[in-house]
């Protein structure tokens, strides 16, 4: 009977995978030794666990989406850079700012600065925004376009994208034509809408050929003003933008 039991023990040990000695024999089912064996490749593999020594799997990045980047223009060549980038078929956002007319005034050094009419100038002088994808090698051509000095970047091959919330905040200040106007400006009629002046009040013209002339308001609709001016010994009716006059 004992000889039969020894034969069964030897057959059981030989049936175990990777068993060559009694030391490799697994413990009974449910023991700690068996649970540790389940997370190994098998007996005789030096105890290597699943994935040991393997390189980590690199997740494939999604294709780069077009983003907005800041372009610096050469001094006084904002418009030239804007046109060149657009001609190269890149989307451009170049916000501008409407400047009101300014009357003639004398500077502290005695120089007379002439009056200037309303004008539009860059909101960020020498800076504009271009939209492209760094995955497209054609973006590098922007740096060599007329009027362009550089693309703001941490390294020559890594331009710095402009945060979308910041750009949207700037867009929120602009009219549909990309220009920032004073509050109440009716950009479609190119004149600011103000509260109408009282008929009969004295007003003074601030700029233009009639600068410093005073007259009486005959009509005001918030955009245009009709004045009666004393010229050449008689009253003359003229119409000017309301933003070009002030109450005397």
C-alpha atoms as a PDB file:
ATOM      1  CA  UNK A   1       0.000   0.000   0.000  1.00  0.00           C
ATOM      2  CA  UNK A   2       2.814   2.382   0.850  1.00  0.00           C
ATOM      3  CA  UNK A   3       4.541   1.536  -2.444  1.00  0.00           C
ATOM      4  CA  UNK A   4       1.334   2.456  -4.351  1.00  0.00           C
ATOM      5  CA  UNK A   5       1.107   5.806  -2.561  1.00  0.00           C
ATOM      6  CA  UNK A   6       4.720   6.634  -3.443  1.00  0.00           C
ATOM      7  CA  UNK A   7       3.986   5.859  -7.108  1.00  0.00           C
ATOM      8  CA  UNK A   8       0.963   8.189  -7.068  1.00  0.00           C
ATOM      9  CA  UNK A   9       3.024  10.975  -5.444  1.00  0.00           C
ATOM     10  CA  UNK A  10       5.705  10.687  -8.108  1.00  0.00           C
ATOM     11  CA  UNK A  11       3.081  10.730 -10.899  1.00  0.00           C
ATOM     12  CA  UNK A  12       1.439  13.817  -9.426  1.00  0.00           C
ATOM     13  CA  UNK A  13       4.762  15.666  -9.210  1.00  0.00           C
ATOM     14  CA  UNK A  14       5.704  14.747 -12.789  1.00  0.00           C
ATOM     15  CA  UNK A  15       2.372  16.014 -14.124  1.00  0.00           C
ATOM     16  CA  UNK A  16       3.005  19.546 -12.774  1.00  0.00           C
ATOM     17  CA  UNK A  17       4.310  21.940 -15.482  1.00  0.00           C
ATOM     18  CA  UNK A  18       7.883  23.043 -14.912  1.00  0.00           C
ATOM     19  CA  UNK A  19       8.342  20.567 -12.089  1.00  0.00           C
ATOM     20  CA  UNK A  20      11.737  18.989 -11.887  1.00  0.00           C
ATOM     21  CA  UNK A  21      12.182  18.790  -8.146  1.00  0.00           C
ATOM     22  CA  UNK A  22      10.014  18.576  -5.079  1.00  0.00           C
ATOM     23  CA  UNK A  23      10.786  22.252  -4.372  1.00  0.00           C
ATOM     24  CA  UNK A  24       8.883  23.280  -7.493  1.00  0.00           C
ATOM     25  CA  UNK A  25       5.708  21.523  -6.406  1.00  0.00           C
ATOM     26  CA  UNK A  26       2.754  23.839  -5.883  1.00  0.00           C
ATOM     27  CA  UNK A  27       1.044  23.899  -2.535  1.00  0.00           C
ATOM     28  CA  UNK A  28      -2.515  22.665  -2.185  1.00  0.00           C
ATOM     29  CA  UNK A  29      -5.243  24.713  -3.873  1.00  0.00           C
ATOM     30  CA  UNK A  30      -6.154  27.896  -2.052  1.00  0.00           C
ATOM     31  CA  UNK A  31      -2.820  28.410  -0.320  1.00  0.00           C
ATOM     32  CA  UNK A  32      -0.698  31.567  -0.483  1.00  0.00           C
ATOM     33  CA  UNK A  33       1.916  29.769  -2.575  1.00  0.00           C
ATOM     34  CA  UNK A  34      -0.633  28.847  -5.214  1.00  0.00           C
ATOM     35  CA  UNK A  35      -2.059  32.357  -5.371  1.00  0.00           C
ATOM     36  CA  UNK A  36       1.421  33.745  -5.977  1.00  0.00           C
ATOM     37  CA  UNK A  37       1.971  31.162  -8.690  1.00  0.00           C
ATOM     38  CA  UNK A  38      -1.121  32.345 -10.565  1.00  0.00           C
ATOM     39  CA  UNK A  39       0.441  35.758 -11.292  1.00  0.00           C
ATOM     40  CA  UNK A  40       3.643  34.242 -12.694  1.00  0.00           C
ATOM     41  CA  UNK A  41       4.304  33.044 -16.191  1.00  0.00           C
ATOM     42  CA  UNK A  42       4.817  29.580 -14.724  1.00  0.00           C
ATOM     43  CA  UNK A  43       7.258  27.567 -12.747  1.00  0.00           C
ATOM     44  CA  UNK A  44      10.877  27.829 -13.805  1.00  0.00           C
ATOM     45  CA  UNK A  45      10.597  31.443 -15.222  1.00  0.00           C
ATOM     46  CA  UNK A  46      12.390  33.088 -12.332  1.00  0.00           C
ATOM     47  CA  UNK A  47       9.234  34.595 -10.892  1.00  0.00           C
ATOM     48  CA  UNK A  48       8.751  37.175 -13.724  1.00  0.00           C
ATOM     49  CA  UNK A  49       5.372  38.817 -13.614  1.00  0.00           C
ATOM     50  CA  UNK A  50       3.114  39.708 -16.515  1.00  0.00           C
ATOM     51  CA  UNK A  51       4.484  42.728 -18.385  1.00  0.00           C
ATOM     52  CA  UNK A  52       7.851  42.727 -16.607  1.00  0.00           C
ATOM     53  CA  UNK A  53      10.583  44.103 -18.836  1.00  0.00           C
ATOM     54  CA  UNK A  54       8.174  45.223 -21.564  1.00  0.00           C
ATOM     55  CA  UNK A  55       8.207  48.756 -22.960  1.00  0.00           C
ATOM     56  CA  UNK A  56       5.169  50.875 -22.008  1.00  0.00           C
ATOM     57  CA  UNK A  57       2.598  51.233 -24.746  1.00  0.00           C
ATOM     58  CA  UNK A  58       2.629  54.778 -26.113  1.00  0.00           C
ATOM     59  CA  UNK A  59      -0.819  56.211 -26.773  1.00  0.00           C
ATOM     60  CA  UNK A  60      -1.097  57.666 -30.230  1.00  0.00           C
ATOM     61  CA  UNK A  61      -1.742  61.404 -30.046  1.00  0.00           C
ATOM     62  CA  UNK A  62      -4.653  62.764 -32.084  1.00  0.00           C
ATOM     63  CA  UNK A  63      -3.748  64.847 -35.134  1.00  0.00           C
ATOM     64  CA  UNK A  64      -2.855  68.434 -34.323  1.00  0.00           C
ATOM     65  CA  UNK A  65      -5.767  70.824 -34.762  1.00  0.00           C
ATOM     66  CA  UNK A  66      -5.259  74.338 -36.177  1.00  0.00           C
ATOM     67  CA  UNK A  67      -4.739  76.897 -33.432  1.00  0.00           C
ATOM     68  CA  UNK A  68      -4.145  80.628 -33.198  1.00  0.00           C
ATOM     69  CA  UNK A  69      -0.602  81.965 -32.915  1.00  0.00           C
ATOM     70  CA  UNK A  70       0.751  85.476 -32.440  1.00  0.00           C
ATOM     71  CA  UNK A  71       2.788  87.019 -35.256  1.00  0.00           C
ATOM     72  CA  UNK A  72       5.006  90.076 -34.767  1.00  0.00           C
ATOM     73  CA  UNK A  73       5.251  92.447 -37.721  1.00  0.00           C
ATOM     74  CA  UNK A  74       8.088  94.735 -38.633  1.00  0.00           C
ATOM     75  CA  UNK A  75       7.832  98.317 -37.438  1.00  0.00           C
ATOM     76  CA  UNK A  76       5.071 100.139 -39.337  1.00  0.00           C
ATOM     77  CA  UNK A  77       4.306  97.111 -41.564  1.00  0.00           C
ATOM     78  CA  UNK A  78       1.226  95.689 -39.837  1.00  0.00           C
ATOM     79  CA  UNK A  79      -0.960  95.950 -42.939  1.00  0.00           C
ATOM     80  CA  UNK A  80       1.747  94.523 -45.199  1.00  0.00           C
ATOM     81  CA  UNK A  81       2.182  91.492 -42.947  1.00  0.00           C
ATOM     82  CA  UNK A  82      -1.595  91.048 -42.701  1.00  0.00           C
ATOM     83  CA  UNK A  83      -2.025  91.019 -46.486  1.00  0.00           C
ATOM     84  CA  UNK A  84       0.951  88.699 -47.045  1.00  0.00           C
ATOM     85  CA  UNK A  85      -0.325  86.106 -44.554  1.00  0.00           C
ATOM     86  CA  UNK A  86      -3.820  86.204 -46.043  1.00  0.00           C
ATOM     87  CA  UNK A  87      -2.360  85.852 -49.539  1.00  0.00           C
ATOM     88  CA  UNK A  88      -0.561  82.709 -48.324  1.00  0.00           C
ATOM     89  CA  UNK A  89      -4.031  81.312 -47.513  1.00  0.00           C
ATOM     90  CA  UNK A  90      -3.777  81.477 -43.723  1.00  0.00           C
ATOM     91  CA  UNK A  91      -6.621  82.770 -41.577  1.00  0.00           C
ATOM     92  CA  UNK A  92      -5.781  86.104 -39.931  1.00  0.00           C
ATOM     93  CA  UNK A  93      -7.314  88.016 -37.048  1.00  0.00           C
ATOM     94  CA  UNK A  94      -5.970  91.562 -36.808  1.00  0.00           C
ATOM     95  CA  UNK A  95      -8.204  93.599 -34.451  1.00  0.00           C
ATOM     96  CA  UNK A  96      -8.235  97.358 -34.882  1.00  0.00           C
ATOM     97  CA  UNK A  97      -9.240 100.368 -32.788  1.00  0.00           C
ATOM     98  CA  UNK A  98     -11.245 103.416 -33.832  1.00  0.00           C
ATOM     99  CA  UNK A  99      -9.680 106.662 -32.647  1.00  0.00           C
ATOM    100  CA  UNK A 100     -11.862 109.780 -32.344  1.00  0.00           C
ATOM    101  CA  UNK A 101     -10.840 113.071 -33.916  1.00  0.00           C
ATOM    102  CA  UNK A 102      -8.581 115.297 -31.904  1.00  0.00           C
ATOM    103  CA  UNK A 103      -8.545 119.101 -32.104  1.00  0.00           C
ATOM    104  CA  UNK A 104      -5.432 121.106 -32.760  1.00  0.00           C
ATOM    105  CA  UNK A 105      -3.456 121.819 -29.630  1.00  0.00           C
ATOM    106  CA  UNK A 106      -0.173 123.337 -28.657  1.00  0.00           C
ATOM    107  CA  UNK A 107       2.354 121.077 -26.977  1.00  0.00           C
ATOM    108  CA  UNK A 108       4.332 122.185 -23.886  1.00  0.00           C
ATOM    109  CA  UNK A 109       7.368 122.846 -26.068  1.00  0.00           C
ATOM    110  CA  UNK A 110       5.377 125.307 -28.171  1.00  0.00           C
ATOM    111  CA  UNK A 111       4.851 123.045 -31.188  1.00  0.00           C
ATOM    112  CA  UNK A 112       1.376 123.204 -32.708  1.00  0.00           C
ATOM    113  CA  UNK A 113      -0.107 119.785 -33.310  1.00  0.00           C
ATOM    114  CA  UNK A 114      -2.711 119.984 -36.100  1.00  0.00           C
ATOM    115  CA  UNK A 115      -6.169 118.555 -35.712  1.00  0.00           C
ATOM    116  CA  UNK A 116      -6.699 114.992 -36.858  1.00  0.00           C
ATOM    117  CA  UNK A 117      -9.863 113.324 -38.046  1.00  0.00           C
ATOM    118  CA  UNK A 118     -11.211 109.948 -36.944  1.00  0.00           C
ATOM    119  CA  UNK A 119      -8.903 107.079 -37.803  1.00  0.00           C
ATOM    120  CA  UNK A 120      -8.468 103.336 -37.343  1.00  0.00           C
ATOM    121  CA  UNK A 121      -5.243 101.854 -36.028  1.00  0.00           C
ATOM    122  CA  UNK A 122      -4.136  98.365 -34.874  1.00  0.00           C
ATOM    123  CA  UNK A 123      -5.435  97.375 -31.464  1.00  0.00           C
ATOM    124  CA  UNK A 124      -2.076  95.722 -30.745  1.00  0.00           C
ATOM    125  CA  UNK A 125       0.509  97.621 -32.813  1.00  0.00           C
ATOM    126  CA  UNK A 126       2.911  95.229 -34.579  1.00  0.00           C
ATOM    127  CA  UNK A 127       1.004  92.129 -33.436  1.00  0.00           C
ATOM    128  CA  UNK A 128      -1.655  90.058 -35.200  1.00  0.00           C
ATOM    129  CA  UNK A 129      -2.920  86.489 -35.034  1.00  0.00           C
ATOM    130  CA  UNK A 130      -2.646  83.699 -37.603  1.00  0.00           C
ATOM    131  CA  UNK A 131      -4.358  80.307 -37.476  1.00  0.00           C
ATOM    132  CA  UNK A 132      -2.527  77.188 -38.614  1.00  0.00           C
ATOM    133  CA  UNK A 133      -1.553  73.652 -37.616  1.00  0.00           C
ATOM    134  CA  UNK A 134       2.032  72.865 -36.654  1.00  0.00           C
ATOM    135  CA  UNK A 135       1.504  69.460 -38.280  1.00  0.00           C
ATOM    136  CA  UNK A 136       1.431  71.268 -41.622  1.00  0.00           C
ATOM    137  CA  UNK A 137       5.031  72.239 -42.514  1.00  0.00           C
ATOM    138  CA  UNK A 138       3.767  75.194 -44.564  1.00  0.00           C
ATOM    139  CA  UNK A 139       3.375  77.288 -41.393  1.00  0.00           C
ATOM    140  CA  UNK A 140       7.136  77.920 -41.467  1.00  0.00           C
ATOM    141  CA  UNK A 141       6.698  80.024 -44.612  1.00  0.00           C
ATOM    142  CA  UNK A 142       4.957  82.717 -42.544  1.00  0.00           C
ATOM    143  CA  UNK A 143       8.274  83.759 -40.992  1.00  0.00           C
ATOM    144  CA  UNK A 144       9.641  84.686 -44.411  1.00  0.00           C
ATOM    145  CA  UNK A 145       6.646  86.674 -45.664  1.00  0.00           C
ATOM    146  CA  UNK A 146       6.920  90.433 -46.314  1.00  0.00           C
ATOM    147  CA  UNK A 147       6.335  92.518 -43.217  1.00  0.00           C
ATOM    148  CA  UNK A 148       6.687  89.576 -40.801  1.00  0.00           C
ATOM    149  CA  UNK A 149       9.431  89.669 -38.187  1.00  0.00           C
ATOM    150  CA  UNK A 150       8.718  86.506 -36.169  1.00  0.00           C
ATOM    151  CA  UNK A 151       6.164  84.107 -34.707  1.00  0.00           C
ATOM    152  CA  UNK A 152       6.118  84.178 -30.922  1.00  0.00           C
ATOM    153  CA  UNK A 153       7.496  80.826 -29.756  1.00  0.00           C
ATOM    154  CA  UNK A 154       9.518  79.129 -27.042  1.00  0.00           C
ATOM    155  CA  UNK A 155      11.783  77.533 -29.672  1.00  0.00           C
ATOM    156  CA  UNK A 156      12.026  78.099 -33.445  1.00  0.00           C
ATOM    157  CA  UNK A 157      10.099  74.887 -34.102  1.00  0.00           C
ATOM    158  CA  UNK A 158       7.545  75.228 -31.294  1.00  0.00           C
ATOM    159  CA  UNK A 159       5.326  78.305 -31.676  1.00  0.00           C
ATOM    160  CA  UNK A 160       3.332  79.231 -28.600  1.00  0.00           C
ATOM    161  CA  UNK A 161      -0.456  79.005 -29.154  1.00  0.00           C
ATOM    162  CA  UNK A 162      -2.710  81.785 -27.908  1.00  0.00           C
ATOM    163  CA  UNK A 163      -5.258  80.605 -25.303  1.00  0.00           C
ATOM    164  CA  UNK A 164      -8.690  80.398 -26.859  1.00  0.00           C
ATOM    165  CA  UNK A 165     -10.463  82.186 -23.938  1.00  0.00           C
ATOM    166  CA  UNK A 166      -8.131  85.174 -24.314  1.00  0.00           C
ATOM    167  CA  UNK A 167      -8.754  85.409 -28.033  1.00  0.00           C
ATOM    168  CA  UNK A 168     -12.509  85.080 -27.591  1.00  0.00           C
ATOM    169  CA  UNK A 169     -12.420  87.904 -25.046  1.00  0.00           C
ATOM    170  CA  UNK A 170     -10.808  90.166 -27.664  1.00  0.00           C
ATOM    171  CA  UNK A 171     -13.361  89.100 -30.271  1.00  0.00           C
ATOM    172  CA  UNK A 172     -16.120  90.019 -27.853  1.00  0.00           C
ATOM    173  CA  UNK A 173     -14.899  93.618 -27.853  1.00  0.00           C
ATOM    174  CA  UNK A 174     -14.875  93.882 -31.640  1.00  0.00           C
ATOM    175  CA  UNK A 175     -17.644  94.725 -34.057  1.00  0.00           C
ATOM    176  CA  UNK A 176     -18.298  92.275 -36.931  1.00  0.00           C
ATOM    177  CA  UNK A 177     -15.625  94.064 -38.963  1.00  0.00           C
ATOM    178  CA  UNK A 178     -12.983  93.339 -36.318  1.00  0.00           C
ATOM    179  CA  UNK A 179     -12.748  96.912 -35.005  1.00  0.00           C
ATOM    180  CA  UNK A 180     -13.236  98.135 -31.429  1.00  0.00           C
ATOM    181  CA  UNK A 181     -15.515 101.197 -31.292  1.00  0.00           C
ATOM    182  CA  UNK A 182     -16.565 103.450 -28.413  1.00  0.00           C
ATOM    183  CA  UNK A 183     -19.775 102.548 -26.570  1.00  0.00           C
ATOM    184  CA  UNK A 184     -22.833 103.485 -28.615  1.00  0.00           C
ATOM    185  CA  UNK A 185     -20.995 103.428 -31.923  1.00  0.00           C
ATOM    186  CA  UNK A 186     -23.117 102.489 -34.926  1.00  0.00           C
ATOM    187  CA  UNK A 187     -20.380 100.846 -36.960  1.00  0.00           C
ATOM    188  CA  UNK A 188     -22.700 100.282 -39.908  1.00  0.00           C
ATOM    189  CA  UNK A 189     -23.111 104.044 -40.420  1.00  0.00           C
ATOM    190  CA  UNK A 190     -19.533 104.903 -39.429  1.00  0.00           C
ATOM    191  CA  UNK A 191     -20.635 107.436 -36.824  1.00  0.00           C
ATOM    192  CA  UNK A 192     -21.175 107.086 -33.074  1.00  0.00           C
ATOM    193  CA  UNK A 193     -24.743 107.339 -31.830  1.00  0.00           C
ATOM    194  CA  UNK A 194     -24.991 109.787 -28.942  1.00  0.00           C
ATOM    195  CA  UNK A 195     -27.766 111.517 -27.080  1.00  0.00           C
ATOM    196  CA  UNK A 196     -29.226 114.249 -29.318  1.00  0.00           C
ATOM    197  CA  UNK A 197     -28.211 117.792 -28.457  1.00  0.00           C
ATOM    198  CA  UNK A 198     -30.844 120.283 -27.360  1.00  0.00           C
ATOM    199  CA  UNK A 199     -32.024 122.560 -30.146  1.00  0.00           C
ATOM    200  CA  UNK A 200     -30.828 126.121 -29.572  1.00  0.00           C
ATOM    201  CA  UNK A 201     -27.744 125.241 -27.493  1.00  0.00           C
ATOM    202  CA  UNK A 202     -24.356 126.718 -28.310  1.00  0.00           C
ATOM    203  CA  UNK A 203     -21.815 124.220 -29.658  1.00  0.00           C
ATOM    204  CA  UNK A 204     -18.226 124.450 -30.840  1.00  0.00           C
ATOM    205  CA  UNK A 205     -16.658 122.488 -33.698  1.00  0.00           C
ATOM    206  CA  UNK A 206     -13.614 120.502 -32.564  1.00  0.00           C
ATOM    207  CA  UNK A 207     -11.918 119.485 -35.794  1.00  0.00           C
ATOM    208  CA  UNK A 208     -11.972 119.804 -39.553  1.00  0.00           C
ATOM    209  CA  UNK A 209     -12.085 122.960 -41.662  1.00  0.00           C
ATOM    210  CA  UNK A 210     -14.549 124.558 -39.226  1.00  0.00           C
ATOM    211  CA  UNK A 211     -12.508 123.818 -36.101  1.00  0.00           C
ATOM    212  CA  UNK A 212     -13.014 126.331 -33.246  1.00  0.00           C
ATOM    213  CA  UNK A 213     -16.107 127.846 -34.891  1.00  0.00           C
ATOM    214  CA  UNK A 214     -19.132 128.193 -32.594  1.00  0.00           C
ATOM    215  CA  UNK A 215     -22.767 128.080 -33.614  1.00  0.00           C
ATOM    216  CA  UNK A 216     -26.328 127.302 -32.625  1.00  0.00           C
ATOM    217  CA  UNK A 217     -27.739 123.787 -32.891  1.00  0.00           C
ATOM    218  CA  UNK A 218     -30.746 123.603 -35.188  1.00  0.00           C
ATOM    219  CA  UNK A 219     -31.099 119.814 -35.409  1.00  0.00           C
ATOM    220  CA  UNK A 220     -29.530 116.762 -33.802  1.00  0.00           C
ATOM    221  CA  UNK A 221     -30.379 113.078 -34.242  1.00  0.00           C
ATOM    222  CA  UNK A 222     -27.537 111.657 -32.166  1.00  0.00           C
ATOM    223  CA  UNK A 223     -25.330 111.160 -35.207  1.00  0.00           C
ATOM    224  CA  UNK A 224     -25.403 114.390 -37.218  1.00  0.00           C
ATOM    225  CA  UNK A 225     -25.787 117.980 -36.058  1.00  0.00           C
ATOM    226  CA  UNK A 226     -26.965 120.979 -38.081  1.00  0.00           C
ATOM    227  CA  UNK A 227     -25.444 124.256 -36.942  1.00  0.00           C
ATOM    228  CA  UNK A 228     -25.976 127.914 -37.728  1.00  0.00           C
ATOM    229  CA  UNK A 229     -22.585 129.562 -37.990  1.00  0.00           C
ATOM    230  CA  UNK A 230     -21.768 133.235 -38.460  1.00  0.00           C
ATOM    231  CA  UNK A 231     -19.613 133.390 -41.557  1.00  0.00           C
ATOM    232  CA  UNK A 232     -18.874 136.410 -43.792  1.00  0.00           C
ATOM    233  CA  UNK A 233     -21.454 138.486 -41.985  1.00  0.00           C
ATOM    234  CA  UNK A 234     -24.341 136.072 -42.362  1.00  0.00           C
ATOM    235  CA  UNK A 235     -25.668 132.833 -40.898  1.00  0.00           C
ATOM    236  CA  UNK A 236     -24.725 129.646 -42.711  1.00  0.00           C
ATOM    237  CA  UNK A 237     -26.259 126.207 -41.982  1.00  0.00           C
ATOM    238  CA  UNK A 238     -23.750 123.348 -41.936  1.00  0.00           C
ATOM    239  CA  UNK A 239     -23.949 119.689 -40.949  1.00  0.00           C
ATOM    240  CA  UNK A 240     -21.190 117.843 -39.108  1.00  0.00           C
ATOM    241  CA  UNK A 241     -20.828 114.634 -37.103  1.00  0.00           C
ATOM    242  CA  UNK A 242     -22.017 115.057 -33.548  1.00  0.00           C
ATOM    243  CA  UNK A 243     -18.787 113.443 -32.334  1.00  0.00           C
ATOM    244  CA  UNK A 244     -16.919 116.402 -33.873  1.00  0.00           C
ATOM    245  CA  UNK A 245     -18.622 119.049 -31.703  1.00  0.00           C
ATOM    246  CA  UNK A 246     -19.039 119.833 -28.038  1.00  0.00           C
ATOM    247  CA  UNK A 247     -21.432 121.981 -26.081  1.00  0.00           C
ATOM    248  CA  UNK A 248     -19.853 125.410 -25.609  1.00  0.00           C
END
